[in-house]
Amino acid sequence: MDPESAWAVARLNCTEQLLTQFSIIDLATNDDDENKGDNSPSLCIHQIAFWDEMHKEQIVGLVRNCSYHFPSDANGKYVPNG
């Protein structure tokens, strides 16, 4: 709730960097901080990877009679050492 908190400032800087890299905004014209966005490489949405944290159920192959299971809770979320 505090826009001056370290978390809020860091979140704003991170968001501004991404918007600059996606060429949505141009921070080079912003006089608040002369170094923001100057050295950030450009990005395209096709350079970002998205994936689901759920693992597919393994199918037992013809060579081995075994399968691998990852421990998960009732929602399918991975549980380390579960």
PDB file of N, CA and C in Angstrom:
ATOM      1  N   MET A   1       0.817  -1.200   0.000  1.00  0.00           N
ATOM      2  CA  MET A   1       0.000   0.000   0.000  1.00  0.00           C
ATOM      3  C   MET A   1       0.858   1.260   0.000  1.00  0.00           C
ATOM      4  N   ASP A   2       2.143   1.119   0.304  1.00  0.00           N
ATOM      5  CA  ASP A   2       3.043   2.274   0.359  1.00  0.00           C
ATOM      6  C   ASP A   2       3.838   2.364  -0.948  1.00  0.00           C
ATOM      7  N   PRO A   3       3.553   3.350  -1.793  1.00  0.00           N
ATOM      8  CA  PRO A   3       4.260   3.448  -3.072  1.00  0.00           C
ATOM      9  C   PRO A   3       5.746   3.763  -2.937  1.00  0.00           C
ATOM     10  N   GLU A   4       6.181   4.163  -1.771  1.00  0.00           N
ATOM     11  CA  GLU A   4       7.598   4.475  -1.544  1.00  0.00           C
ATOM     12  C   GLU A   4       8.365   3.296  -0.933  1.00  0.00           C
ATOM     13  N   SER A   5       7.680   2.186  -0.657  1.00  0.00           N
ATOM     14  CA  SER A   5       8.351   1.028  -0.061  1.00  0.00           C
ATOM     15  C   SER A   5       9.351   0.435  -1.045  1.00  0.00           C
ATOM     16  N   ALA A   6      10.338  -0.249  -0.539  1.00  0.00           N
ATOM     17  CA  ALA A   6      11.363  -0.853  -1.396  1.00  0.00           C
ATOM     18  C   ALA A   6      10.733  -1.840  -2.383  1.00  0.00           C
ATOM     19  N   TRP A   7       9.731  -2.607  -1.934  1.00  0.00           N
ATOM     20  CA  TRP A   7       9.082  -3.578  -2.803  1.00  0.00           C
ATOM     21  C   TRP A   7       8.364  -2.871  -3.948  1.00  0.00           C
ATOM     22  N   ALA A   8       7.616  -1.806  -3.629  1.00  0.00           N
ATOM     23  CA  ALA A   8       6.857  -1.094  -4.655  1.00  0.00           C
ATOM     24  C   ALA A   8       7.789  -0.451  -5.684  1.00  0.00           C
ATOM     25  N   VAL A   9       8.886   0.131  -5.224  1.00  0.00           N
ATOM     26  CA  VAL A   9       9.854   0.760  -6.130  1.00  0.00           C
ATOM     27  C   VAL A   9      10.496  -0.298  -7.030  1.00  0.00           C
ATOM     28  N   ALA A  10      10.880  -1.435  -6.446  1.00  0.00           N
ATOM     29  CA  ALA A  10      11.494  -2.512  -7.229  1.00  0.00           C
ATOM     30  C   ALA A  10      10.505  -3.069  -8.253  1.00  0.00           C
ATOM     31  N   ARG A  11       9.257  -3.240  -7.848  1.00  0.00           N
ATOM     32  CA  ARG A  11       8.229  -3.760  -8.759  1.00  0.00           C
ATOM     33  C   ARG A  11       7.995  -2.787  -9.920  1.00  0.00           C
ATOM     34  N   LEU A  12       7.948  -1.488  -9.623  1.00  0.00           N
ATOM     35  CA  LEU A  12       7.773  -0.485 -10.660  1.00  0.00           C
ATOM     36  C   LEU A  12       8.944  -0.509 -11.632  1.00  0.00           C
ATOM     37  N   ASN A  13      10.164  -0.587 -11.115  1.00  0.00           N
ATOM     38  CA  ASN A  13      11.344  -0.631 -11.979  1.00  0.00           C
ATOM     39  C   ASN A  13      11.346  -1.871 -12.863  1.00  0.00           C
ATOM     40  N   CYS A  14      10.961  -3.008 -12.304  1.00  0.00           N
ATOM     41  CA  CYS A  14      10.901  -4.259 -13.073  1.00  0.00           C
ATOM     42  C   CYS A  14       9.866  -4.150 -14.189  1.00  0.00           C
ATOM     43  N   THR A  15       8.694  -3.616 -13.875  1.00  0.00           N
ATOM     44  CA  THR A  15       7.631  -3.455 -14.853  1.00  0.00           C
ATOM     45  C   THR A  15       8.038  -2.473 -15.949  1.00  0.00           C
ATOM     46  N   GLU A  16       8.653  -1.352 -15.547  1.00  0.00           N
ATOM     47  CA  GLU A  16       9.114  -0.373 -16.542  1.00  0.00           C
ATOM     48  C   GLU A  16      10.176  -0.974 -17.458  1.00  0.00           C
ATOM     49  N   GLN A  17      11.051  -1.804 -16.907  1.00  0.00           N
ATOM     50  CA  GLN A  17      12.080  -2.435 -17.734  1.00  0.00           C
ATOM     51  C   GLN A  17      11.443  -3.359 -18.767  1.00  0.00           C
ATOM     52  N   LEU A  18      10.470  -4.173 -18.347  1.00  0.00           N
ATOM     53  CA  LEU A  18       9.799  -5.060 -19.297  1.00  0.00           C
ATOM     54  C   LEU A  18       9.043  -4.280 -20.367  1.00  0.00           C
ATOM     55  N   LEU A  19       8.348  -3.227 -19.974  1.00  0.00           N
ATOM     56  CA  LEU A  19       7.617  -2.421 -20.946  1.00  0.00           C
ATOM     57  C   LEU A  19       8.570  -1.774 -21.944  1.00  0.00           C
ATOM     58  N   THR A  20       9.742  -1.368 -21.468  1.00  0.00           N
ATOM     59  CA  THR A  20      10.745  -0.796 -22.361  1.00  0.00           C
ATOM     60  C   THR A  20      11.275  -1.855 -23.316  1.00  0.00           C
ATOM     61  N   GLN A  21      11.572  -3.040 -22.787  1.00  0.00           N
ATOM     62  CA  GLN A  21      12.103  -4.108 -23.628  1.00  0.00           C
ATOM     63  C   GLN A  21      11.093  -4.581 -24.673  1.00  0.00           C
ATOM     64  N   PHE A  22       9.815  -4.525 -24.354  1.00  0.00           N
ATOM     65  CA  PHE A  22       8.776  -4.878 -25.319  1.00  0.00           C
ATOM     66  C   PHE A  22       8.418  -3.698 -26.220  1.00  0.00           C
ATOM     67  N   SER A  23       9.127  -2.595 -26.093  1.00  0.00           N
ATOM     68  CA  SER A  23       8.913  -1.370 -26.886  1.00  0.00           C
ATOM     69  C   SER A  23       7.505  -0.814 -26.716  1.00  0.00           C
ATOM     70  N   ILE A  24       6.938  -0.965 -25.523  1.00  0.00           N
ATOM     71  CA  ILE A  24       5.614  -0.415 -25.232  1.00  0.00           C
ATOM     72  C   ILE A  24       5.758   1.025 -24.743  1.00  0.00           C
ATOM     73  N   ILE A  25       6.796   1.292 -23.966  1.00  0.00           N
ATOM     74  CA  ILE A  25       7.087   2.653 -23.529  1.00  0.00           C
ATOM     75  C   ILE A  25       8.551   2.946 -23.825  1.00  0.00           C
ATOM     76  N   ASP A  26       8.890   4.217 -23.878  1.00  0.00           N
ATOM     77  CA  ASP A  26      10.263   4.631 -24.135  1.00  0.00           C
ATOM     78  C   ASP A  26      10.740   5.441 -22.941  1.00  0.00           C
ATOM     79  N   LEU A  27      11.534   4.813 -22.087  1.00  0.00           N
ATOM     80  CA  LEU A  27      12.036   5.505 -20.899  1.00  0.00           C
ATOM     81  C   LEU A  27      13.239   6.385 -21.212  1.00  0.00           C
ATOM     82  N   ALA A  28      13.790   6.277 -22.399  1.00  0.00           N
ATOM     83  CA  ALA A  28      14.936   7.117 -22.751  1.00  0.00           C
ATOM     84  C   ALA A  28      14.543   8.583 -22.772  1.00  0.00           C
ATOM     85  N   THR A  29      13.269   8.873 -23.009  1.00  0.00           N
ATOM     86  CA  THR A  29      12.806  10.259 -23.018  1.00  0.00           C
ATOM     87  C   THR A  29      12.396  10.734 -21.631  1.00  0.00           C
ATOM     88  N   ASN A  30      12.400   9.838 -20.647  1.00  0.00           N
ATOM     89  CA  ASN A  30      12.023  10.189 -19.283  1.00  0.00           C
ATOM     90  C   ASN A  30      13.248  10.746 -18.559  1.00  0.00           C
ATOM     91  N   ASP A  31      13.132  11.928 -18.007  1.00  0.00           N
ATOM     92  CA  ASP A  31      14.259  12.580 -17.342  1.00  0.00           C
ATOM     93  C   ASP A  31      14.452  12.137 -15.894  1.00  0.00           C
ATOM     94  N   ASP A  32      13.546  11.290 -15.358  1.00  0.00           N
ATOM     95  CA  ASP A  32      13.646  10.882 -13.957  1.00  0.00           C
ATOM     96  C   ASP A  32      14.912  10.102 -13.681  1.00  0.00           C
ATOM     97  N   ASP A  33      15.274   9.209 -14.550  1.00  0.00           N
ATOM     98  CA  ASP A  33      16.470   8.379 -14.358  1.00  0.00           C
ATOM     99  C   ASP A  33      17.110   8.163 -15.716  1.00  0.00           C
ATOM    100  N   GLU A  34      18.246   8.764 -15.949  1.00  0.00           N
ATOM    101  CA  GLU A  34      18.872   8.729 -17.271  1.00  0.00           C
ATOM    102  C   GLU A  34      19.350   7.355 -17.686  1.00  0.00           C
ATOM    103  N   ASN A  35      19.515   6.421 -16.735  1.00  0.00           N
ATOM    104  CA  ASN A  35      20.034   5.099 -17.075  1.00  0.00           C
ATOM    105  C   ASN A  35      18.958   4.054 -17.301  1.00  0.00           C
ATOM    106  N   LYS A  36      17.722   4.354 -16.983  1.00  0.00           N
ATOM    107  CA  LYS A  36      16.658   3.357 -17.129  1.00  0.00           C
ATOM    108  C   LYS A  36      16.436   3.001 -18.585  1.00  0.00           C
ATOM    109  N   GLY A  37      16.498   1.727 -18.884  1.00  0.00           N
ATOM    110  CA  GLY A  37      16.152   1.246 -20.198  1.00  0.00           C
ATOM    111  C   GLY A  37      17.196   1.467 -21.279  1.00  0.00           C
ATOM    112  N   ASP A  38      18.265   2.165 -20.987  1.00  0.00           N
ATOM    113  CA  ASP A  38      19.246   2.477 -22.032  1.00  0.00           C
ATOM    114  C   ASP A  38      19.969   1.238 -22.538  1.00  0.00           C
ATOM    115  N   ASN A  39      20.276   0.290 -21.668  1.00  0.00           N
ATOM    116  CA  ASN A  39      21.066  -0.880 -22.044  1.00  0.00           C
ATOM    117  C   ASN A  39      20.260  -2.164 -22.108  1.00  0.00           C
ATOM    118  N   SER A  40      18.953  -2.072 -22.020  1.00  0.00           N
ATOM    119  CA  SER A  40      18.122  -3.272 -22.024  1.00  0.00           C
ATOM    120  C   SER A  40      17.920  -3.772 -23.449  1.00  0.00           C
ATOM    121  N   PRO A  41      18.172  -5.057 -23.694  1.00  0.00           N
ATOM    122  CA  PRO A  41      17.925  -5.596 -25.040  1.00  0.00           C
ATOM    123  C   PRO A  41      16.426  -5.667 -25.315  1.00  0.00           C
ATOM    124  N   SER A  42      16.048  -5.557 -26.566  1.00  0.00           N
ATOM    125  CA  SER A  42      14.632  -5.637 -26.906  1.00  0.00           C
ATOM    126  C   SER A  42      14.160  -7.089 -26.795  1.00  0.00           C
ATOM    127  N   LEU A  43      12.870  -7.236 -26.517  1.00  0.00           N
ATOM    128  CA  LEU A  43      12.257  -8.556 -26.378  1.00  0.00           C
ATOM    129  C   LEU A  43      11.039  -8.663 -27.279  1.00  0.00           C
ATOM    130  N   CYS A  44      10.704  -9.889 -27.627  1.00  0.00           N
ATOM    131  CA  CYS A  44       9.493 -10.208 -28.370  1.00  0.00           C
ATOM    132  C   CYS A  44       8.747 -11.265 -27.551  1.00  0.00           C
ATOM    133  N   ILE A  45       7.434 -11.251 -27.597  1.00  0.00           N
ATOM    134  CA  ILE A  45       6.648 -12.218 -26.818  1.00  0.00           C
ATOM    135  C   ILE A  45       7.024 -13.651 -27.173  1.00  0.00           C
ATOM    136  N   HIS A  46       7.538 -13.875 -28.387  1.00  0.00           N
ATOM    137  CA  HIS A  46       7.922 -15.221 -28.820  1.00  0.00           C
ATOM    138  C   HIS A  46       9.234 -15.679 -28.175  1.00  0.00           C
ATOM    139  N   GLN A  47       9.911 -14.785 -27.449  1.00  0.00           N
ATOM    140  CA  GLN A  47      11.139 -15.151 -26.750  1.00  0.00           C
ATOM    141  C   GLN A  47      10.867 -15.565 -25.310  1.00  0.00           C
ATOM    142  N   ILE A  48       9.613 -15.539 -24.893  1.00  0.00           N
ATOM    143  CA  ILE A  48       9.229 -15.861 -23.523  1.00  0.00           C
ATOM    144  C   ILE A  48       8.622 -17.261 -23.506  1.00  0.00           C
ATOM    145  N   ALA A  49       9.042 -18.069 -22.548  1.00  0.00           N
ATOM    146  CA  ALA A  49       8.516 -19.430 -22.422  1.00  0.00           C
ATOM    147  C   ALA A  49       7.468 -19.487 -21.315  1.00  0.00           C
ATOM    148  N   PHE A  50       6.383 -20.148 -21.590  1.00  0.00           N
ATOM    149  CA  PHE A  50       5.327 -20.371 -20.606  1.00  0.00           C
ATOM    150  C   PHE A  50       5.123 -21.877 -20.480  1.00  0.00           C
ATOM    151  N   TRP A  51       4.875 -22.355 -19.289  1.00  0.00           N
ATOM    152  CA  TRP A  51       4.599 -23.779 -19.124  1.00  0.00           C
ATOM    153  C   TRP A  51       3.736 -24.004 -17.900  1.00  0.00           C
ATOM    154  N   ASP A  52       3.089 -25.136 -17.904  1.00  0.00           N
ATOM    155  CA  ASP A  52       2.231 -25.551 -16.810  1.00  0.00           C
ATOM    156  C   ASP A  52       3.080 -26.339 -15.824  1.00  0.00           C
ATOM    157  N   GLU A  53       2.864 -26.143 -14.542  1.00  0.00           N
ATOM    158  CA  GLU A  53       3.658 -26.847 -13.542  1.00  0.00           C
ATOM    159  C   GLU A  53       3.187 -28.275 -13.307  1.00  0.00           C
ATOM    160  N   MET A  54       2.129 -28.691 -13.958  1.00  0.00           N
ATOM    161  CA  MET A  54       1.640 -30.061 -13.805  1.00  0.00           C
ATOM    162  C   MET A  54       2.450 -30.976 -14.705  1.00  0.00           C
ATOM    163  N   HIS A  55       2.806 -32.124 -14.194  1.00  0.00           N
ATOM    164  CA  HIS A  55       3.527 -33.112 -14.998  1.00  0.00           C
ATOM    165  C   HIS A  55       2.532 -34.093 -15.593  1.00  0.00           C
ATOM    166  N   LYS A  56       2.790 -34.492 -16.822  1.00  0.00           N
ATOM    167  CA  LYS A  56       1.954 -35.511 -17.446  1.00  0.00           C
ATOM    168  C   LYS A  56       2.210 -36.848 -16.763  1.00  0.00           C
ATOM    169  N   GLU A  57       1.174 -37.649 -16.688  1.00  0.00           N
ATOM    170  CA  GLU A  57       1.363 -38.992 -16.157  1.00  0.00           C
ATOM    171  C   GLU A  57       2.246 -39.768 -17.127  1.00  0.00           C
ATOM    172  N   GLN A  58       3.236 -40.435 -16.588  1.00  0.00           N
ATOM    173  CA  GLN A  58       4.185 -41.160 -17.429  1.00  0.00           C
ATOM    174  C   GLN A  58       3.575 -42.467 -17.927  1.00  0.00           C
ATOM    175  N   ILE A  59       3.860 -42.784 -19.161  1.00  0.00           N
ATOM    176  CA  ILE A  59       3.409 -44.038 -19.754  1.00  0.00           C
ATOM    177  C   ILE A  59       4.566 -45.022 -19.688  1.00  0.00           C
ATOM    178  N   VAL A  60       4.296 -46.218 -19.204  1.00  0.00           N
ATOM    179  CA  VAL A  60       5.337 -47.234 -19.096  1.00  0.00           C
ATOM    180  C   VAL A  60       5.757 -47.644 -20.498  1.00  0.00           C
ATOM    181  N   GLY A  61       7.066 -47.562 -20.744  1.00  0.00           N
ATOM    182  CA  GLY A  61       7.583 -47.890 -22.070  1.00  0.00           C
ATOM    183  C   GLY A  61       7.735 -49.376 -22.283  1.00  0.00           C
ATOM    184  N   LEU A  62       8.053 -49.744 -23.506  1.00  0.00           N
ATOM    185  CA  LEU A  62       8.215 -51.148 -23.847  1.00  0.00           C
ATOM    186  C   LEU A  62       9.550 -51.693 -23.364  1.00  0.00           C
ATOM    187  N   VAL A  63      10.556 -50.823 -23.182  1.00  0.00           N
ATOM    188  CA  VAL A  63      11.884 -51.269 -22.788  1.00  0.00           C
ATOM    189  C   VAL A  63      11.969 -51.501 -21.287  1.00  0.00           C
ATOM    190  N   ARG A  64      11.383 -50.603 -20.532  1.00  0.00           N
ATOM    191  CA  ARG A  64      11.428 -50.718 -19.064  1.00  0.00           C
ATOM    192  C   ARG A  64      10.022 -50.871 -18.505  1.00  0.00           C
ATOM    193  N   ASN A  65       9.930 -51.533 -17.408  1.00  0.00           N
ATOM    194  CA  ASN A  65       8.661 -51.681 -16.728  1.00  0.00           C
ATOM    195  C   ASN A  65       8.674 -50.799 -15.487  1.00  0.00           C
ATOM    196  N   CYS A  66       8.851 -49.489 -15.687  1.00  0.00           N
ATOM    197  CA  CYS A  66       8.867 -48.567 -14.553  1.00  0.00           C
ATOM    198  C   CYS A  66       8.294 -47.228 -14.987  1.00  0.00           C
ATOM    199  N   SER A  67       7.913 -46.439 -14.031  1.00  0.00           N
ATOM    200  CA  SER A  67       7.440 -45.091 -14.320  1.00  0.00           C
ATOM    201  C   SER A  67       7.949 -44.162 -13.220  1.00  0.00           C
ATOM    202  N   TYR A  68       7.939 -42.895 -13.500  1.00  0.00           N
ATOM    203  CA  TYR A  68       8.402 -41.892 -12.544  1.00  0.00           C
ATOM    204  C   TYR A  68       7.216 -41.058 -12.106  1.00  0.00           C
ATOM    205  N   HIS A  69       7.117 -40.853 -10.809  1.00  0.00           N
ATOM    206  CA  HIS A  69       6.023 -40.069 -10.250  1.00  0.00           C
ATOM    207  C   HIS A  69       6.608 -38.941  -9.423  1.00  0.00           C
ATOM    208  N   PHE A  70       5.991 -37.774  -9.529  1.00  0.00           N
ATOM    209  CA  PHE A  70       6.405 -36.625  -8.740  1.00  0.00           C
ATOM    210  C   PHE A  70       5.358 -36.389  -7.664  1.00  0.00           C
ATOM    211  N   PRO A  71       5.792 -36.242  -6.405  1.00  0.00           N
ATOM    212  CA  PRO A  71       4.823 -36.035  -5.326  1.00  0.00           C
ATOM    213  C   PRO A  71       4.065 -34.724  -5.529  1.00  0.00           C
ATOM    214  N   SER A  72       2.749 -34.764  -5.335  1.00  0.00           N
ATOM    215  CA  SER A  72       1.935 -33.559  -5.482  1.00  0.00           C
ATOM    216  C   SER A  72       0.790 -33.583  -4.486  1.00  0.00           C
ATOM    217  N   ASP A  73       0.238 -32.394  -4.237  1.00  0.00           N
ATOM    218  CA  ASP A  73      -0.897 -32.300  -3.325  1.00  0.00           C
ATOM    219  C   ASP A  73      -2.199 -32.558  -4.106  1.00  0.00           C
ATOM    220  N   ALA A  74      -3.343 -32.343  -3.463  1.00  0.00           N
ATOM    221  CA  ALA A  74      -4.625 -32.626  -4.093  1.00  0.00           C
ATOM    222  C   ALA A  74      -4.899 -31.746  -5.315  1.00  0.00           C
ATOM    223  N   ASN A  75      -4.236 -30.573  -5.389  1.00  0.00           N
ATOM    224  CA  ASN A  75      -4.404 -29.675  -6.527  1.00  0.00           C
ATOM    225  C   ASN A  75      -3.410 -29.945  -7.642  1.00  0.00           C
ATOM    226  N   GLY A  76      -2.545 -30.921  -7.463  1.00  0.00           N
ATOM    227  CA  GLY A  76      -1.564 -31.245  -8.465  1.00  0.00           C
ATOM    228  C   GLY A  76      -0.286 -30.439  -8.367  1.00  0.00           C
ATOM    229  N   LYS A  77      -0.160 -29.629  -7.330  1.00  0.00           N
ATOM    230  CA  LYS A  77       1.041 -28.808  -7.124  1.00  0.00           C
ATOM    231  C   LYS A  77       2.164 -29.681  -6.580  1.00  0.00           C
ATOM    232  N   TYR A  78       3.352 -29.523  -7.152  1.00  0.00           N
ATOM    233  CA  TYR A  78       4.516 -30.310  -6.732  1.00  0.00           C
ATOM    234  C   TYR A  78       4.811 -30.083  -5.253  1.00  0.00           C
ATOM    235  N   VAL A  79       5.068 -31.178  -4.534  1.00  0.00           N
ATOM    236  CA  VAL A  79       5.409 -31.117  -3.117  1.00  0.00           C
ATOM    237  C   VAL A  79       6.809 -31.687  -2.958  1.00  0.00           C
ATOM    238  N   PRO A  80       7.819 -30.831  -2.734  1.00  0.00           N
ATOM    239  CA  PRO A  80       9.178 -31.349  -2.551  1.00  0.00           C
ATOM    240  C   PRO A  80       9.269 -32.265  -1.333  1.00  0.00           C
ATOM    241  N   ASN A  81       9.986 -33.330  -1.469  1.00  0.00           N
ATOM    242  CA  ASN A  81      10.175 -34.300  -0.374  1.00  0.00           C
ATOM    243  C   ASN A  81       8.855 -34.822   0.133  1.00  0.00           C
ATOM    244  N   GLY A  82       7.839 -34.881  -0.731  1.00  0.00           N
ATOM    245  CA  GLY A  82       6.492 -35.270  -0.299  1.00  0.00           C
ATOM    246  C   GLY A  82       6.216 -36.708  -0.352  1.00  0.00           C
TER     247      GLY A  82
END
